């Protein structure tokens, strides 16, 4: 979020697509805290909750892209949701990152192979696994330990899907889709 805010983005959409909402609560809370720290009021329309499937993320992105004014950036709660936002943006004829910036979270392998390559936050799986094992062994040794919350370091991987905020972000009608039906990634119009 700080990366996007530093580039002048003030209308940042969030696609929260996970199987259980509590699984992403930390990320959604961090989104709200970053906006508040920048003095930007949270807008409920800019946060779209959906299921974890790509199609659901695509529909969430369509909803964000249809807002007036539309967001200048969209963050996916994970890279799959960011991929859905990227596809919806490109199918509407938007240029990423000139017209809209897209970022994700998790740095899955495909993120660096997308066009444009996805800016994402990397959390090292090995470090996460080690810390989880450490906490489990501590709990096994002393079941009465109070619950604790641990934050692991994350690293921003800046690629080519983010750029400065455009001056004006107007919605692009679904009719301008290029070769595919609205809401159906990978299907062609007949």
N, C-alpha and C. Protein backbone atom coordinates (compact mmCIF):
# COMPACT_ATOMS: atom_id res chain seq x y z
N UNK A 1 0.82 -1.20 0.00
CA UNK A 1 0.00 0.00 0.00
C UNK A 1 0.86 1.26 0.00
N UNK A 2 1.91 1.25 0.81
CA UNK A 2 2.77 2.44 0.88
C UNK A 2 3.38 2.75 -0.49
N UNK A 3 3.72 1.71 -1.23
CA UNK A 3 4.27 1.87 -2.58
C UNK A 3 3.28 2.61 -3.47
N UNK A 4 2.03 2.20 -3.46
CA UNK A 4 1.00 2.83 -4.29
C UNK A 4 0.70 4.25 -3.81
N UNK A 5 0.61 4.42 -2.51
CA UNK A 5 0.36 5.74 -1.95
C UNK A 5 1.48 6.71 -2.31
N UNK A 6 2.72 6.24 -2.27
CA UNK A 6 3.87 7.08 -2.60
C UNK A 6 3.85 7.51 -4.07
N UNK A 7 3.17 6.76 -4.93
CA UNK A 7 3.07 7.11 -6.34
C UNK A 7 1.83 7.94 -6.64
N UNK A 8 1.16 8.42 -5.58
CA UNK A 8 0.05 9.33 -5.77
C UNK A 8 -1.33 8.70 -5.85
N UNK A 9 -1.43 7.40 -5.67
CA UNK A 9 -2.75 6.74 -5.72
C UNK A 9 -3.54 7.07 -4.45
N UNK A 10 -4.80 7.49 -4.65
CA UNK A 10 -5.67 7.79 -3.52
C UNK A 10 -6.93 6.93 -3.54
N UNK A 11 -7.31 6.46 -4.71
CA UNK A 11 -8.47 5.55 -4.84
C UNK A 11 -7.92 4.17 -5.16
N UNK A 12 -7.73 3.40 -4.11
CA UNK A 12 -7.13 2.07 -4.25
C UNK A 12 -8.18 1.03 -3.89
N UNK A 13 -8.51 0.20 -4.86
CA UNK A 13 -9.47 -0.87 -4.63
C UNK A 13 -8.79 -2.10 -4.05
N UNK A 14 -9.56 -2.89 -3.34
CA UNK A 14 -9.06 -4.14 -2.75
C UNK A 14 -10.01 -5.26 -3.10
N UNK A 15 -9.47 -6.34 -3.68
CA UNK A 15 -10.26 -7.53 -3.94
C UNK A 15 -9.89 -8.56 -2.87
N UNK A 16 -10.85 -8.82 -1.99
CA UNK A 16 -10.66 -9.74 -0.87
C UNK A 16 -11.32 -11.07 -1.22
N UNK A 17 -10.55 -11.91 -1.90
CA UNK A 17 -11.08 -13.19 -2.35
C UNK A 17 -10.38 -14.37 -1.70
N UNK A 18 -10.93 -14.82 -0.60
CA UNK A 18 -10.38 -15.97 0.12
C UNK A 18 -11.53 -16.87 0.56
N UNK A 19 -11.25 -18.17 0.80
CA UNK A 19 -12.33 -19.08 1.21
C UNK A 19 -12.98 -18.69 2.54
N UNK A 20 -12.16 -18.32 3.54
CA UNK A 20 -12.68 -17.89 4.83
C UNK A 20 -12.22 -16.45 5.07
N UNK A 21 -13.16 -15.51 5.28
CA UNK A 21 -12.78 -14.10 5.44
C UNK A 21 -11.75 -13.85 6.54
N UNK A 22 -11.79 -14.63 7.62
CA UNK A 22 -10.83 -14.40 8.70
C UNK A 22 -9.40 -14.70 8.26
N UNK A 23 -9.24 -15.49 7.20
CA UNK A 23 -7.89 -15.84 6.71
C UNK A 23 -7.14 -14.61 6.19
N UNK A 24 -7.86 -13.60 5.75
CA UNK A 24 -7.22 -12.41 5.18
C UNK A 24 -7.43 -11.17 6.04
N UNK A 25 -7.95 -11.35 7.22
CA UNK A 25 -8.27 -10.19 8.07
C UNK A 25 -7.07 -9.27 8.27
N UNK A 26 -5.87 -9.84 8.50
CA UNK A 26 -4.67 -9.00 8.69
C UNK A 26 -4.40 -8.13 7.48
N UNK A 27 -4.56 -8.69 6.29
CA UNK A 27 -4.28 -7.92 5.07
C UNK A 27 -5.32 -6.83 4.86
N UNK A 28 -6.58 -7.14 5.13
CA UNK A 28 -7.64 -6.14 4.99
C UNK A 28 -7.44 -5.03 6.01
N UNK A 29 -7.09 -5.40 7.23
CA UNK A 29 -6.82 -4.39 8.27
C UNK A 29 -5.63 -3.52 7.89
N UNK A 30 -4.59 -4.12 7.32
CA UNK A 30 -3.40 -3.35 6.91
C UNK A 30 -3.78 -2.35 5.81
N UNK A 31 -4.66 -2.74 4.91
CA UNK A 31 -5.16 -1.84 3.87
C UNK A 31 -5.80 -0.61 4.51
N UNK A 32 -6.70 -0.83 5.47
CA UNK A 32 -7.38 0.27 6.14
C UNK A 32 -6.43 1.15 6.93
N UNK A 33 -5.46 0.54 7.61
CA UNK A 33 -4.48 1.32 8.38
C UNK A 33 -3.62 2.19 7.47
N UNK A 34 -3.22 1.64 6.33
CA UNK A 34 -2.38 2.40 5.40
C UNK A 34 -3.14 3.61 4.85
N UNK A 35 -4.41 3.43 4.51
CA UNK A 35 -5.21 4.56 4.04
C UNK A 35 -5.34 5.61 5.13
N UNK A 36 -5.65 5.17 6.35
CA UNK A 36 -5.82 6.10 7.46
C UNK A 36 -4.53 6.87 7.73
N UNK A 37 -3.40 6.18 7.70
CA UNK A 37 -2.11 6.83 7.94
C UNK A 37 -1.81 7.88 6.89
N UNK A 38 -2.35 7.69 5.68
CA UNK A 38 -2.14 8.65 4.59
C UNK A 38 -3.21 9.74 4.60
N UNK A 39 -4.14 9.68 5.56
CA UNK A 39 -5.20 10.68 5.64
C UNK A 39 -6.29 10.49 4.60
N UNK A 40 -6.45 9.27 4.12
CA UNK A 40 -7.46 8.97 3.10
C UNK A 40 -8.60 8.21 3.76
N UNK A 41 -9.81 8.72 3.60
CA UNK A 41 -10.99 8.06 4.17
C UNK A 41 -11.27 6.76 3.43
N UNK A 42 -11.56 5.72 4.18
CA UNK A 42 -11.91 4.43 3.58
C UNK A 42 -13.26 4.56 2.88
N UNK A 43 -13.35 3.99 1.70
CA UNK A 43 -14.61 3.98 0.94
C UNK A 43 -15.06 2.53 0.81
N UNK A 44 -16.19 2.17 1.42
CA UNK A 44 -16.64 0.77 1.39
C UNK A 44 -16.76 0.19 -0.02
N UNK A 45 -17.13 1.03 -1.02
CA UNK A 45 -17.26 0.53 -2.39
C UNK A 45 -15.94 0.05 -2.98
N UNK A 46 -14.82 0.49 -2.41
CA UNK A 46 -13.51 0.12 -2.94
C UNK A 46 -13.00 -1.21 -2.40
N UNK A 47 -13.72 -1.82 -1.48
CA UNK A 47 -13.35 -3.15 -0.98
C UNK A 47 -14.43 -4.12 -1.42
N UNK A 48 -14.05 -5.10 -2.24
CA UNK A 48 -15.00 -6.07 -2.74
C UNK A 48 -14.62 -7.44 -2.21
N UNK A 49 -15.53 -8.04 -1.45
CA UNK A 49 -15.33 -9.38 -0.91
C UNK A 49 -15.91 -10.38 -1.91
N UNK A 50 -15.18 -11.44 -2.14
CA UNK A 50 -15.65 -12.45 -3.08
C UNK A 50 -15.05 -13.80 -2.69
N UNK A 51 -15.41 -14.82 -3.43
CA UNK A 51 -14.84 -16.14 -3.19
C UNK A 51 -13.41 -16.21 -3.71
N UNK A 52 -12.79 -17.35 -3.54
CA UNK A 52 -11.37 -17.51 -3.86
C UNK A 52 -11.10 -17.92 -5.30
N UNK A 53 -12.12 -18.15 -6.09
CA UNK A 53 -11.91 -18.60 -7.47
C UNK A 53 -11.60 -17.43 -8.40
N UNK A 54 -10.84 -17.70 -9.43
CA UNK A 54 -10.44 -16.68 -10.39
C UNK A 54 -11.65 -15.94 -10.97
N UNK A 55 -12.68 -16.67 -11.33
CA UNK A 55 -13.89 -16.06 -11.90
C UNK A 55 -14.52 -15.07 -10.93
N UNK A 56 -14.52 -15.41 -9.65
CA UNK A 56 -15.10 -14.51 -8.64
C UNK A 56 -14.23 -13.25 -8.50
N UNK A 57 -12.93 -13.42 -8.57
CA UNK A 57 -12.03 -12.28 -8.53
C UNK A 57 -12.22 -11.39 -9.75
N UNK A 58 -12.46 -12.01 -10.90
CA UNK A 58 -12.71 -11.26 -12.12
C UNK A 58 -13.98 -10.42 -11.99
N UNK A 59 -15.04 -11.02 -11.45
CA UNK A 59 -16.30 -10.28 -11.25
C UNK A 59 -16.10 -9.13 -10.27
N UNK A 60 -15.30 -9.37 -9.21
CA UNK A 60 -15.00 -8.30 -8.25
C UNK A 60 -14.25 -7.16 -8.93
N UNK A 61 -13.30 -7.51 -9.78
CA UNK A 61 -12.54 -6.48 -10.51
C UNK A 61 -13.46 -5.70 -11.44
N UNK A 62 -14.38 -6.38 -12.10
CA UNK A 62 -15.36 -5.70 -12.97
C UNK A 62 -16.16 -4.68 -12.17
N UNK A 63 -16.54 -5.06 -10.96
CA UNK A 63 -17.31 -4.15 -10.11
C UNK A 63 -16.48 -2.90 -9.79
N UNK A 64 -15.22 -3.09 -9.44
CA UNK A 64 -14.35 -1.95 -9.14
C UNK A 64 -14.13 -1.07 -10.37
N UNK A 65 -13.90 -1.71 -11.51
CA UNK A 65 -13.60 -0.96 -12.73
C UNK A 65 -14.82 -0.19 -13.25
N UNK A 66 -16.01 -0.57 -12.83
CA UNK A 66 -17.22 0.11 -13.24
C UNK A 66 -17.58 1.30 -12.35
N UNK A 67 -16.84 1.51 -11.28
CA UNK A 67 -17.12 2.65 -10.39
C UNK A 67 -16.78 3.97 -11.08
N UNK A 68 -17.46 5.04 -10.65
CA UNK A 68 -17.16 6.37 -11.17
C UNK A 68 -16.88 7.30 -10.02
N UNK A 69 -15.69 7.82 -9.87
CA UNK A 69 -14.52 7.46 -10.67
C UNK A 69 -14.00 6.08 -10.25
N UNK A 70 -13.36 5.42 -11.19
CA UNK A 70 -12.82 4.09 -10.88
C UNK A 70 -11.53 4.24 -10.09
N UNK A 71 -11.10 3.17 -9.43
CA UNK A 71 -9.83 3.25 -8.70
C UNK A 71 -8.65 3.47 -9.66
N UNK A 72 -7.61 4.10 -9.15
CA UNK A 72 -6.40 4.25 -9.94
C UNK A 72 -5.46 3.07 -9.73
N UNK A 73 -5.76 2.26 -8.70
CA UNK A 73 -4.97 1.06 -8.41
C UNK A 73 -5.89 0.02 -7.78
N UNK A 74 -5.55 -1.24 -7.99
CA UNK A 74 -6.27 -2.36 -7.37
C UNK A 74 -5.24 -3.29 -6.75
N UNK A 75 -5.51 -3.69 -5.51
CA UNK A 75 -4.66 -4.65 -4.82
C UNK A 75 -5.47 -5.93 -4.65
N UNK A 76 -4.87 -7.04 -5.04
CA UNK A 76 -5.47 -8.34 -4.80
C UNK A 76 -5.00 -8.87 -3.46
N UNK A 77 -5.90 -9.46 -2.70
CA UNK A 77 -5.55 -10.01 -1.39
C UNK A 77 -4.49 -11.10 -1.55
N UNK A 78 -4.41 -11.64 -2.76
CA UNK A 78 -3.35 -12.58 -3.15
C UNK A 78 -3.09 -12.38 -4.64
N UNK A 79 -2.08 -13.05 -5.14
CA UNK A 79 -1.71 -12.84 -6.54
C UNK A 79 -2.79 -13.32 -7.51
N UNK A 80 -3.56 -14.32 -7.14
CA UNK A 80 -4.62 -14.81 -8.02
C UNK A 80 -5.68 -13.73 -8.23
N UNK A 81 -6.04 -13.03 -7.15
CA UNK A 81 -7.02 -11.94 -7.28
C UNK A 81 -6.43 -10.78 -8.07
N UNK A 82 -5.14 -10.52 -7.91
CA UNK A 82 -4.48 -9.47 -8.70
C UNK A 82 -4.46 -9.87 -10.18
N UNK A 83 -4.23 -11.14 -10.46
CA UNK A 83 -4.26 -11.63 -11.84
C UNK A 83 -5.65 -11.40 -12.45
N UNK A 84 -6.70 -11.66 -11.68
CA UNK A 84 -8.07 -11.43 -12.16
C UNK A 84 -8.27 -9.94 -12.47
N UNK A 85 -7.76 -9.06 -11.60
CA UNK A 85 -7.88 -7.61 -11.84
C UNK A 85 -7.10 -7.20 -13.08
N UNK A 86 -5.95 -7.79 -13.27
CA UNK A 86 -5.13 -7.50 -14.45
C UNK A 86 -5.88 -7.89 -15.72
N UNK A 87 -6.47 -9.08 -15.72
CA UNK A 87 -7.20 -9.54 -16.90
C UNK A 87 -8.42 -8.66 -17.18
N UNK A 88 -9.18 -8.32 -16.14
CA UNK A 88 -10.36 -7.46 -16.32
C UNK A 88 -9.95 -6.09 -16.86
N UNK A 89 -8.87 -5.56 -16.35
CA UNK A 89 -8.39 -4.25 -16.81
C UNK A 89 -7.98 -4.29 -18.28
N UNK A 90 -7.20 -5.29 -18.64
CA UNK A 90 -6.73 -5.41 -20.02
C UNK A 90 -7.88 -5.64 -20.97
N UNK A 91 -8.88 -6.42 -20.57
CA UNK A 91 -10.02 -6.68 -21.44
C UNK A 91 -10.90 -5.46 -21.62
N UNK A 92 -10.80 -4.51 -20.73
CA UNK A 92 -11.53 -3.25 -20.87
C UNK A 92 -10.71 -2.24 -21.68
N UNK A 93 -9.55 -2.63 -22.13
CA UNK A 93 -8.72 -1.74 -22.93
C UNK A 93 -7.85 -0.81 -22.11
N UNK A 94 -7.76 -1.05 -20.82
CA UNK A 94 -6.90 -0.22 -19.97
C UNK A 94 -5.45 -0.67 -20.12
N UNK A 95 -4.54 0.27 -20.01
CA UNK A 95 -3.11 -0.03 -20.06
C UNK A 95 -2.57 -0.07 -18.64
N UNK A 96 -1.93 -1.18 -18.30
CA UNK A 96 -1.34 -1.35 -16.97
C UNK A 96 0.16 -1.15 -17.11
N UNK A 97 0.77 -0.22 -16.41
CA UNK A 97 0.28 0.58 -15.29
C UNK A 97 -0.11 2.02 -15.65
N UNK A 98 -0.15 2.38 -16.92
CA UNK A 98 -0.41 3.78 -17.28
C UNK A 98 -1.80 4.23 -16.84
N UNK A 99 -2.82 3.39 -17.03
CA UNK A 99 -4.19 3.76 -16.69
C UNK A 99 -4.59 3.29 -15.28
N UNK A 100 -4.02 2.18 -14.85
CA UNK A 100 -4.36 1.59 -13.57
C UNK A 100 -3.19 0.72 -13.11
N UNK A 101 -2.90 0.77 -11.83
CA UNK A 101 -1.84 -0.08 -11.26
C UNK A 101 -2.48 -1.28 -10.59
N UNK A 102 -1.80 -2.42 -10.67
CA UNK A 102 -2.29 -3.66 -10.07
C UNK A 102 -1.17 -4.26 -9.24
N UNK A 103 -1.50 -4.69 -8.01
CA UNK A 103 -0.51 -5.33 -7.15
C UNK A 103 -1.15 -6.51 -6.42
N UNK A 104 -0.32 -7.45 -6.03
CA UNK A 104 -0.82 -8.64 -5.34
C UNK A 104 -0.04 -8.93 -4.07
N UNK A 105 -0.22 -10.14 -3.60
CA UNK A 105 0.40 -10.57 -2.35
C UNK A 105 0.68 -12.06 -2.45
N UNK A 106 1.87 -12.48 -2.17
CA UNK A 106 2.33 -13.87 -2.07
C UNK A 106 3.48 -14.18 -3.02
N UNK A 107 3.61 -13.45 -4.12
CA UNK A 107 4.67 -13.68 -5.10
C UNK A 107 4.72 -15.13 -5.57
N UNK A 108 3.57 -15.61 -6.07
CA UNK A 108 3.55 -16.96 -6.63
C UNK A 108 4.37 -16.96 -7.92
N UNK A 109 4.81 -18.11 -8.33
CA UNK A 109 5.73 -18.25 -9.47
C UNK A 109 5.26 -17.52 -10.72
N UNK A 110 4.01 -17.64 -11.07
CA UNK A 110 3.52 -17.06 -12.33
C UNK A 110 3.55 -15.53 -12.32
N UNK A 111 3.62 -14.91 -11.15
CA UNK A 111 3.56 -13.44 -11.05
C UNK A 111 4.63 -12.74 -11.88
N UNK A 112 5.81 -13.33 -11.95
CA UNK A 112 6.88 -12.70 -12.72
C UNK A 112 6.76 -12.97 -14.22
N UNK A 113 5.87 -13.88 -14.62
CA UNK A 113 5.70 -14.22 -16.04
C UNK A 113 4.49 -13.54 -16.68
N UNK A 114 3.68 -12.86 -15.89
CA UNK A 114 2.51 -12.18 -16.45
C UNK A 114 2.96 -11.01 -17.31
N UNK A 115 2.04 -10.50 -18.13
CA UNK A 115 2.33 -9.31 -18.93
C UNK A 115 1.33 -8.24 -18.56
N UNK A 116 1.76 -7.19 -17.88
CA UNK A 116 3.10 -6.96 -17.36
C UNK A 116 3.35 -7.80 -16.10
N UNK A 117 4.61 -8.02 -15.77
CA UNK A 117 4.93 -8.77 -14.55
C UNK A 117 4.33 -8.05 -13.33
N UNK A 118 3.81 -8.85 -12.40
CA UNK A 118 3.03 -8.33 -11.28
C UNK A 118 3.90 -7.86 -10.11
N UNK A 119 3.64 -6.64 -9.66
CA UNK A 119 4.22 -6.15 -8.40
C UNK A 119 3.49 -6.87 -7.28
N UNK A 120 4.23 -7.40 -6.32
CA UNK A 120 3.63 -8.24 -5.28
C UNK A 120 4.45 -8.18 -4.00
N UNK A 121 3.86 -8.64 -2.93
CA UNK A 121 4.55 -8.73 -1.65
C UNK A 121 4.94 -10.19 -1.43
N UNK A 122 6.19 -10.39 -1.13
CA UNK A 122 6.72 -11.74 -0.94
C UNK A 122 6.86 -12.03 0.56
N UNK A 123 6.27 -13.13 0.98
CA UNK A 123 6.47 -13.64 2.33
C UNK A 123 7.16 -14.97 2.16
N UNK A 124 8.29 -15.12 2.78
CA UNK A 124 9.08 -16.33 2.59
C UNK A 124 8.43 -17.53 3.29
N UNK A 125 8.04 -18.51 2.50
CA UNK A 125 7.38 -19.71 3.01
C UNK A 125 8.23 -20.48 4.00
N UNK A 126 9.54 -20.54 3.75
CA UNK A 126 10.43 -21.28 4.65
C UNK A 126 10.43 -20.63 6.03
N UNK A 127 10.51 -19.30 6.07
CA UNK A 127 10.49 -18.60 7.36
C UNK A 127 9.16 -18.82 8.08
N UNK A 128 8.07 -18.80 7.33
CA UNK A 128 6.76 -19.02 7.91
C UNK A 128 6.67 -20.41 8.50
N UNK A 129 7.12 -21.40 7.76
CA UNK A 129 7.10 -22.79 8.25
C UNK A 129 7.93 -22.97 9.51
N UNK A 130 9.11 -22.37 9.53
CA UNK A 130 9.97 -22.47 10.71
C UNK A 130 9.30 -21.87 11.93
N UNK A 131 8.73 -20.69 11.76
CA UNK A 131 8.09 -20.00 12.89
C UNK A 131 6.89 -20.78 13.38
N UNK A 132 6.10 -21.33 12.48
CA UNK A 132 4.94 -22.14 12.88
C UNK A 132 5.39 -23.37 13.67
N UNK A 133 6.44 -24.03 13.21
CA UNK A 133 6.96 -25.20 13.93
C UNK A 133 7.46 -24.80 15.32
N UNK A 134 8.16 -23.68 15.38
CA UNK A 134 8.67 -23.19 16.67
C UNK A 134 7.53 -22.93 17.64
N UNK A 135 6.48 -22.26 17.18
CA UNK A 135 5.33 -21.97 18.03
C UNK A 135 4.61 -23.24 18.46
N UNK A 136 4.51 -24.20 17.57
CA UNK A 136 3.87 -25.47 17.90
C UNK A 136 4.63 -26.21 19.00
N UNK A 137 5.95 -26.27 18.87
CA UNK A 137 6.75 -26.94 19.89
C UNK A 137 6.67 -26.22 21.24
N UNK A 138 6.65 -24.90 21.23
CA UNK A 138 6.48 -24.14 22.46
C UNK A 138 5.15 -24.48 23.12
N UNK A 139 4.09 -24.56 22.32
CA UNK A 139 2.76 -24.88 22.85
C UNK A 139 2.71 -26.30 23.39
N UNK A 140 3.37 -27.23 22.71
CA UNK A 140 3.41 -28.62 23.20
C UNK A 140 4.13 -28.72 24.54
N UNK A 141 5.20 -27.94 24.69
CA UNK A 141 5.95 -27.95 25.95
C UNK A 141 5.17 -27.29 27.08
N UNK A 142 4.41 -26.26 26.76
CA UNK A 142 3.66 -25.53 27.79
C UNK A 142 2.29 -25.15 27.22
N UNK A 143 1.30 -26.06 27.37
CA UNK A 143 -0.05 -25.79 26.81
C UNK A 143 -0.74 -24.57 27.40
N UNK A 144 -0.26 -24.07 28.52
CA UNK A 144 -0.89 -22.91 29.15
C UNK A 144 -0.35 -21.57 28.67
N UNK A 145 0.55 -21.60 27.71
CA UNK A 145 1.08 -20.34 27.18
C UNK A 145 -0.06 -19.50 26.62
N UNK A 146 -0.03 -18.20 26.84
CA UNK A 146 -1.08 -17.35 26.25
C UNK A 146 -0.91 -17.29 24.73
N UNK A 147 -2.01 -17.10 24.02
CA UNK A 147 -1.90 -16.96 22.56
C UNK A 147 -1.04 -15.74 22.24
N UNK A 148 -0.33 -15.83 21.15
CA UNK A 148 0.46 -14.68 20.71
C UNK A 148 0.39 -14.54 19.21
N UNK A 149 0.59 -13.33 18.80
CA UNK A 149 0.54 -13.02 17.37
C UNK A 149 1.96 -12.70 16.91
N UNK A 150 2.35 -13.30 15.81
CA UNK A 150 3.70 -13.10 15.28
C UNK A 150 3.58 -12.53 13.88
N UNK A 151 4.34 -11.51 13.61
CA UNK A 151 4.38 -10.92 12.26
C UNK A 151 5.73 -11.26 11.63
N UNK A 152 5.66 -11.82 10.45
CA UNK A 152 6.89 -12.17 9.74
C UNK A 152 7.22 -11.08 8.72
N UNK A 153 8.49 -10.89 8.47
CA UNK A 153 8.87 -9.84 7.50
C UNK A 153 8.37 -10.18 6.09
N UNK A 154 8.00 -9.15 5.39
CA UNK A 154 7.56 -9.29 4.00
C UNK A 154 8.37 -8.31 3.16
N UNK A 155 8.53 -8.64 1.91
CA UNK A 155 9.33 -7.80 1.02
C UNK A 155 8.53 -7.46 -0.23
N UNK A 156 8.50 -6.18 -0.57
CA UNK A 156 7.83 -5.73 -1.78
C UNK A 156 8.71 -6.06 -2.98
N UNK A 157 8.13 -6.72 -3.96
CA UNK A 157 8.83 -7.03 -5.21
C UNK A 157 8.19 -6.15 -6.28
N UNK A 158 8.86 -5.06 -6.63
CA UNK A 158 8.32 -4.11 -7.60
C UNK A 158 8.64 -4.60 -9.00
N UNK A 159 7.57 -4.81 -9.76
CA UNK A 159 7.73 -5.20 -11.17
C UNK A 159 7.06 -4.13 -12.02
N UNK A 160 6.46 -4.49 -13.11
CA UNK A 160 5.99 -3.48 -14.07
C UNK A 160 4.48 -3.22 -14.04
N UNK A 161 3.75 -3.76 -13.07
CA UNK A 161 2.29 -3.57 -13.04
C UNK A 161 1.86 -2.37 -12.21
N UNK A 162 2.81 -1.63 -11.64
CA UNK A 162 2.47 -0.43 -10.88
C UNK A 162 3.24 0.76 -11.41
N UNK A 163 2.58 1.92 -11.35
CA UNK A 163 3.20 3.16 -11.80
C UNK A 163 2.49 4.33 -11.16
N UNK A 164 2.87 5.53 -11.51
CA UNK A 164 2.24 6.72 -10.95
C UNK A 164 0.74 6.75 -11.23
N UNK A 165 0.00 7.35 -10.31
CA UNK A 165 -1.45 7.47 -10.48
C UNK A 165 -1.77 8.32 -11.70
N UNK A 166 -2.72 7.88 -12.52
CA UNK A 166 -3.13 8.72 -13.66
C UNK A 166 -3.90 9.93 -13.14
N UNK A 167 -3.96 10.97 -13.94
CA UNK A 167 -4.67 12.18 -13.52
C UNK A 167 -6.15 11.96 -13.36
N UNK A 168 -6.74 11.20 -14.25
CA UNK A 168 -8.17 10.99 -14.22
C UNK A 168 -8.45 9.51 -14.47
N UNK A 169 -9.35 8.95 -13.68
CA UNK A 169 -9.67 7.53 -13.81
C UNK A 169 -11.16 7.38 -14.07
N UNK A 170 -11.52 7.37 -15.34
CA UNK A 170 -12.92 7.22 -15.72
C UNK A 170 -13.23 5.75 -15.94
N UNK A 171 -14.45 5.33 -15.64
CA UNK A 171 -14.79 3.93 -15.88
C UNK A 171 -14.80 3.65 -17.38
N UNK A 172 -14.46 2.43 -17.73
CA UNK A 172 -14.50 2.00 -19.12
C UNK A 172 -15.68 1.05 -19.24
N UNK A 173 -16.64 1.35 -20.13
CA UNK A 173 -17.82 0.50 -20.25
C UNK A 173 -17.45 -0.92 -20.64
N UNK A 174 -18.23 -1.88 -20.16
CA UNK A 174 -18.01 -3.29 -20.49
C UNK A 174 -18.08 -3.53 -21.99
N UNK A 175 -18.83 -2.68 -22.71
CA UNK A 175 -18.97 -2.86 -24.16
C UNK A 175 -17.64 -2.72 -24.88
N UNK A 176 -16.67 -2.09 -24.24
CA UNK A 176 -15.37 -1.89 -24.88
C UNK A 176 -14.44 -3.09 -24.68
N UNK A 177 -14.96 -4.17 -24.16
CA UNK A 177 -14.13 -5.35 -23.94
C UNK A 177 -13.54 -5.81 -25.27
N UNK A 178 -12.32 -6.32 -25.21
CA UNK A 178 -11.64 -6.72 -26.43
C UNK A 178 -11.69 -8.22 -26.63
N UNK A 179 -12.66 -8.69 -27.40
CA UNK A 179 -12.69 -10.08 -27.81
C UNK A 179 -13.23 -11.07 -26.80
N UNK A 180 -13.63 -10.67 -25.64
CA UNK A 180 -14.15 -11.59 -24.65
C UNK A 180 -15.38 -11.01 -24.00
N UNK A 181 -16.25 -11.90 -23.54
CA UNK A 181 -17.45 -11.45 -22.85
C UNK A 181 -17.08 -10.96 -21.46
N UNK A 182 -17.82 -9.97 -20.99
CA UNK A 182 -17.59 -9.44 -19.64
C UNK A 182 -17.78 -10.54 -18.62
N UNK A 183 -16.83 -10.64 -17.71
CA UNK A 183 -16.95 -11.58 -16.61
C UNK A 183 -16.58 -13.00 -16.93
N UNK A 184 -16.05 -13.25 -18.11
CA UNK A 184 -15.71 -14.62 -18.47
C UNK A 184 -14.30 -14.71 -18.99
N UNK A 185 -13.32 -14.77 -18.08
CA UNK A 185 -11.93 -14.85 -18.55
C UNK A 185 -11.73 -16.12 -19.38
N UNK A 186 -11.06 -15.94 -20.49
CA UNK A 186 -10.71 -17.10 -21.31
C UNK A 186 -11.79 -17.55 -22.27
N UNK A 187 -12.96 -16.86 -22.34
CA UNK A 187 -13.98 -17.25 -23.28
C UNK A 187 -14.11 -16.18 -24.33
N UNK A 188 -14.36 -16.58 -25.54
CA UNK A 188 -14.47 -15.64 -26.65
C UNK A 188 -15.93 -15.35 -26.94
N UNK A 189 -16.16 -14.17 -27.49
CA UNK A 189 -17.50 -13.83 -27.94
C UNK A 189 -17.81 -14.62 -29.18
N UNK A 190 -19.09 -14.97 -29.33
CA UNK A 190 -19.47 -15.71 -30.54
C UNK A 190 -20.46 -14.93 -31.34
